[in-house]
Amino acid sequence: MAHVNDFVGIPWKQGGNDKHGADCWGLTVLVMREVYGIDIKEYNGSKASGDELTNIIESELASEKWQTPTLPKAGDMVMMYDRGTGLPGHMGVFVDNGNVLHSPDHDGSNSMPRTSAIHPIRLLKNVFRKLEFYRYDNCTE
């Protein structure tokens, strides 16, 4: 079984969902499957942003498999809401000690594509309107 650090540095690629390139949803699907053994529905070719990401997330979370934990644990999905629209606009996976593995699409300073990285929740709370956590069928490490 892989470890979350094996996914740091994957290049951002729109609609990607493998180690050659992944967007935020593709990286989440990949990590949940390979690290935590949880199969999430894949959406090949998805832009995974804006309204489309909202539809993807709502479709996946509509199943009774997902619960909202009181406190996040390794393996929980993290939904991040856009400050401007208030809609889910980004996804990641809670890994440990208040950190989230995610695939940011651009560096705000120069709009260059980025690679997947682990960032502290306190930083992400400053960037996004709110963060929500979801646990698959009470599954934790």
C-alpha atoms as a PDB file:
ATOM      1  CA  MET A   1       0.000   0.000   0.000  1.00  0.00           C
ATOM      2  CA  ALA A   2       1.261   3.475  -0.885  1.00  0.00           C
ATOM      3  CA  HIS A   3       1.855   6.317   1.569  1.00  0.00           C
ATOM      4  CA  VAL A   4       0.514   9.851   1.081  1.00  0.00           C
ATOM      5  CA  ASN A   5       4.021  11.255   0.612  1.00  0.00           C
ATOM      6  CA  ASP A   6       4.261   9.151  -2.567  1.00  0.00           C
ATOM      7  CA  PHE A   7       1.748  11.569  -4.122  1.00  0.00           C
ATOM      8  CA  VAL A   8       3.559  14.827  -3.377  1.00  0.00           C
ATOM      9  CA  GLY A   9       4.918  16.411  -6.548  1.00  0.00           C
ATOM     10  CA  ILE A  10       2.411  14.980  -9.032  1.00  0.00           C
ATOM     11  CA  PRO A  11       1.942  17.684 -11.673  1.00  0.00           C
ATOM     12  CA  TRP A  12      -1.436  19.396 -11.928  1.00  0.00           C
ATOM     13  CA  LYS A  13      -3.309  18.249 -15.031  1.00  0.00           C
ATOM     14  CA  GLN A  14      -6.901  19.149 -15.812  1.00  0.00           C
ATOM     15  CA  GLY A  15      -8.984  15.966 -15.749  1.00  0.00           C
ATOM     16  CA  GLY A  16      -5.942  13.905 -14.725  1.00  0.00           C
ATOM     17  CA  ASN A  17      -6.245  11.085 -12.209  1.00  0.00           C
ATOM     18  CA  ASP A  18      -2.910   9.268 -12.136  1.00  0.00           C
ATOM     19  CA  LYS A  19       0.696   9.823 -11.056  1.00  0.00           C
ATOM     20  CA  HIS A  20       1.533  11.471 -14.393  1.00  0.00           C
ATOM     21  CA  GLY A  21      -0.860  14.338 -13.638  1.00  0.00           C
ATOM     22  CA  ALA A  22      -3.998  14.977 -11.610  1.00  0.00           C
ATOM     23  CA  ASP A  23      -6.439  17.734 -10.793  1.00  0.00           C
ATOM     24  CA  CYS A  24      -7.792  18.005  -7.259  1.00  0.00           C
ATOM     25  CA  TRP A  25     -10.597  15.460  -7.741  1.00  0.00           C
ATOM     26  CA  GLY A  26      -8.338  13.030  -9.634  1.00  0.00           C
ATOM     27  CA  LEU A  27      -5.701  13.213  -6.892  1.00  0.00           C
ATOM     28  CA  THR A  28      -8.351  12.653  -4.221  1.00  0.00           C
ATOM     29  CA  VAL A  29      -9.662   9.573  -6.060  1.00  0.00           C
ATOM     30  CA  LEU A  30      -6.127   8.238  -6.561  1.00  0.00           C
ATOM     31  CA  VAL A  31      -5.043   8.716  -2.923  1.00  0.00           C
ATOM     32  CA  MET A  32      -8.265   7.361  -1.461  1.00  0.00           C
ATOM     33  CA  ARG A  33      -7.912   4.216  -3.590  1.00  0.00           C
ATOM     34  CA  GLU A  34      -4.170   3.572  -3.285  1.00  0.00           C
ATOM     35  CA  VAL A  35      -3.545   4.691   0.302  1.00  0.00           C
ATOM     36  CA  TYR A  36      -6.850   4.073   2.067  1.00  0.00           C
ATOM     37  CA  GLY A  37      -8.401   1.327  -0.085  1.00  0.00           C
ATOM     38  CA  ILE A  38     -11.557   3.368  -0.777  1.00  0.00           C
ATOM     39  CA  ASP A  39     -12.975   3.424  -4.297  1.00  0.00           C
ATOM     40  CA  ILE A  40     -14.606   6.711  -5.215  1.00  0.00           C
ATOM     41  CA  LYS A  41     -16.415   7.206  -8.499  1.00  0.00           C
ATOM     42  CA  GLU A  42     -14.085   8.545 -11.159  1.00  0.00           C
ATOM     43  CA  TYR A  43     -15.153  11.252 -13.564  1.00  0.00           C
ATOM     44  CA  ASN A  44     -12.864  10.944 -16.568  1.00  0.00           C
ATOM     45  CA  GLY A  45     -12.321  14.150 -18.469  1.00  0.00           C
ATOM     46  CA  SER A  46     -13.846  16.264 -15.729  1.00  0.00           C
ATOM     47  CA  LYS A  47     -12.607  19.783 -15.271  1.00  0.00           C
ATOM     48  CA  ALA A  48     -13.411  19.289 -11.599  1.00  0.00           C
ATOM     49  CA  SER A  49     -14.061  22.942 -10.929  1.00  0.00           C
ATOM     50  CA  GLY A  50     -16.962  25.275 -10.221  1.00  0.00           C
ATOM     51  CA  ASP A  51     -20.458  23.922 -10.851  1.00  0.00           C
ATOM     52  CA  GLU A  52     -19.109  20.690 -12.310  1.00  0.00           C
ATOM     53  CA  LEU A  53     -17.133  19.921  -9.141  1.00  0.00           C
ATOM     54  CA  THR A  54     -20.208  20.755  -7.076  1.00  0.00           C
ATOM     55  CA  ASN A  55     -22.224  18.195  -9.069  1.00  0.00           C
ATOM     56  CA  ILE A  56     -19.484  15.559  -8.773  1.00  0.00           C
ATOM     57  CA  ILE A  57     -19.181  16.035  -5.020  1.00  0.00           C
ATOM     58  CA  GLU A  58     -22.928  16.112  -4.403  1.00  0.00           C
ATOM     59  CA  SER A  59     -23.362  12.934  -6.445  1.00  0.00           C
ATOM     60  CA  GLU A  60     -20.652  11.089  -4.518  1.00  0.00           C
ATOM     61  CA  LEU A  61     -21.694  12.338  -1.083  1.00  0.00           C
ATOM     62  CA  ALA A  62     -25.379  11.565  -1.746  1.00  0.00           C
ATOM     63  CA  SER A  63     -24.616   7.926  -1.052  1.00  0.00           C
ATOM     64  CA  GLU A  64     -25.011   6.770   2.529  1.00  0.00           C
ATOM     65  CA  LYS A  65     -21.351   5.746   2.544  1.00  0.00           C
ATOM     66  CA  TRP A  66     -20.172   9.201   3.604  1.00  0.00           C
ATOM     67  CA  GLN A  67     -20.448  10.733   7.069  1.00  0.00           C
ATOM     68  CA  THR A  68     -19.409  14.067   8.528  1.00  0.00           C
ATOM     69  CA  PRO A  69     -16.938  13.474  11.368  1.00  0.00           C
ATOM     70  CA  THR A  70     -16.665  15.696  14.414  1.00  0.00           C
ATOM     71  CA  LEU A  71     -12.874  15.800  14.100  1.00  0.00           C
ATOM     72  CA  PRO A  72     -10.942  14.974  10.926  1.00  0.00           C
ATOM     73  CA  LYS A  73      -8.706  11.895  10.758  1.00  0.00           C
ATOM     74  CA  ALA A  74      -6.293  10.578   8.153  1.00  0.00           C
ATOM     75  CA  GLY A  75      -8.226   9.437   5.103  1.00  0.00           C
ATOM     76  CA  ASP A  76     -11.064  11.966   5.359  1.00  0.00           C
ATOM     77  CA  MET A  77     -11.910  13.924   2.212  1.00  0.00           C
ATOM     78  CA  VAL A  78     -11.676  17.690   2.579  1.00  0.00           C
ATOM     79  CA  MET A  79     -14.070  19.855   0.592  1.00  0.00           C
ATOM     80  CA  MET A  80     -12.970  23.474   0.251  1.00  0.00           C
ATOM     81  CA  TYR A  81     -15.452  26.214  -0.571  1.00  0.00           C
ATOM     82  CA  ASP A  82     -14.508  29.073  -2.885  1.00  0.00           C
ATOM     83  CA  ARG A  83     -14.486  32.495  -1.225  1.00  0.00           C
ATOM     84  CA  GLY A  84     -16.135  34.199  -4.193  1.00  0.00           C
ATOM     85  CA  THR A  85     -18.897  31.779  -5.181  1.00  0.00           C
ATOM     86  CA  GLY A  86     -19.390  29.957  -1.877  1.00  0.00           C
ATOM     87  CA  LEU A  87     -19.470  26.678  -3.849  1.00  0.00           C
ATOM     88  CA  PRO A  88     -17.187  23.682  -3.397  1.00  0.00           C
ATOM     89  CA  GLY A  89     -14.242  24.503  -5.585  1.00  0.00           C
ATOM     90  CA  HIS A  90     -11.418  22.293  -4.402  1.00  0.00           C
ATOM     91  CA  MET A  91     -10.812  18.863  -2.852  1.00  0.00           C
ATOM     92  CA  GLY A  92      -8.077  17.168  -0.918  1.00  0.00           C
ATOM     93  CA  VAL A  93      -7.363  14.417   1.596  1.00  0.00           C
ATOM     94  CA  PHE A  94      -6.682  14.994   5.290  1.00  0.00           C
ATOM     95  CA  VAL A  95      -3.442  13.160   6.024  1.00  0.00           C
ATOM     96  CA  ASP A  96      -2.242  13.872   9.556  1.00  0.00           C
ATOM     97  CA  ASN A  97      -1.380  16.515  12.132  1.00  0.00           C
ATOM     98  CA  GLY A  98      -3.659  19.124  10.567  1.00  0.00           C
ATOM     99  CA  ASN A  99      -2.331  18.712   7.026  1.00  0.00           C
ATOM    100  CA  VAL A 100      -4.099  18.216   3.709  1.00  0.00           C
ATOM    101  CA  LEU A 101      -2.735  16.659   0.515  1.00  0.00           C
ATOM    102  CA  HIS A 102      -4.194  18.439  -2.501  1.00  0.00           C
ATOM    103  CA  SER A 103      -3.448  19.476  -6.054  1.00  0.00           C
ATOM    104  CA  PRO A 104      -3.735  23.248  -6.369  1.00  0.00           C
ATOM    105  CA  ASP A 105      -4.293  24.215  -9.988  1.00  0.00           C
ATOM    106  CA  HIS A 106      -2.390  27.496  -9.979  1.00  0.00           C
ATOM    107  CA  ASP A 107      -0.035  29.612  -7.964  1.00  0.00           C
ATOM    108  CA  GLY A 108      -1.968  32.824  -7.329  1.00  0.00           C
ATOM    109  CA  SER A 109       1.110  34.978  -7.932  1.00  0.00           C
ATOM    110  CA  ASN A 110       1.828  33.903 -11.492  1.00  0.00           C
ATOM    111  CA  SER A 111      -0.930  31.470 -12.534  1.00  0.00           C
ATOM    112  CA  MET A 112       1.568  28.717 -13.251  1.00  0.00           C
ATOM    113  CA  PRO A 113       0.390  25.109 -12.878  1.00  0.00           C
ATOM    114  CA  ARG A 114       1.541  23.551  -9.605  1.00  0.00           C
ATOM    115  CA  THR A 115       2.265  20.128  -8.264  1.00  0.00           C
ATOM    116  CA  SER A 116       0.446  18.287  -5.511  1.00  0.00           C
ATOM    117  CA  ALA A 117       1.542  19.290  -2.024  1.00  0.00           C
ATOM    118  CA  ILE A 118       0.755  18.904   1.644  1.00  0.00           C
ATOM    119  CA  HIS A 119      -0.391  22.126   3.321  1.00  0.00           C
ATOM    120  CA  PRO A 120      -1.566  22.849   6.861  1.00  0.00           C
ATOM    121  CA  ILE A 121      -5.295  23.350   7.367  1.00  0.00           C
ATOM    122  CA  ARG A 122      -4.649  26.733   9.001  1.00  0.00           C
ATOM    123  CA  LEU A 123      -3.222  27.968   5.675  1.00  0.00           C
ATOM    124  CA  LEU A 124      -6.138  26.545   3.669  1.00  0.00           C
ATOM    125  CA  LYS A 125      -8.646  28.169   6.038  1.00  0.00           C
ATOM    126  CA  ASN A 126      -7.148  31.520   5.047  1.00  0.00           C
ATOM    127  CA  VAL A 127      -7.577  30.766   1.336  1.00  0.00           C
ATOM    128  CA  PHE A 128     -11.041  29.174   1.302  1.00  0.00           C
ATOM    129  CA  ARG A 129     -14.387  30.286   2.735  1.00  0.00           C
ATOM    130  CA  LYS A 130     -14.818  27.050   4.685  1.00  0.00           C
ATOM    131  CA  LEU A 131     -13.596  23.462   4.826  1.00  0.00           C
ATOM    132  CA  GLU A 132     -15.782  20.379   5.362  1.00  0.00           C
ATOM    133  CA  PHE A 133     -14.620  16.854   6.121  1.00  0.00           C
ATOM    134  CA  TYR A 134     -16.170  13.593   4.979  1.00  0.00           C
ATOM    135  CA  ARG A 135     -15.368  10.083   6.148  1.00  0.00           C
ATOM    136  CA  TYR A 136     -16.130   6.996   4.118  1.00  0.00           C
ATOM    137  CA  ASP A 137     -18.216   4.510   6.112  1.00  0.00           C
ATOM    138  CA  ASN A 138     -16.443   5.410   9.385  1.00  0.00           C
ATOM    139  CA  CYS A 139     -13.170   4.310   7.847  1.00  0.00           C
ATOM    140  CA  THR A 140     -10.024   5.639   9.498  1.00  0.00           C
ATOM    141  CA  GLU A 141      -6.399   4.609   9.681  1.00  0.00           C
END
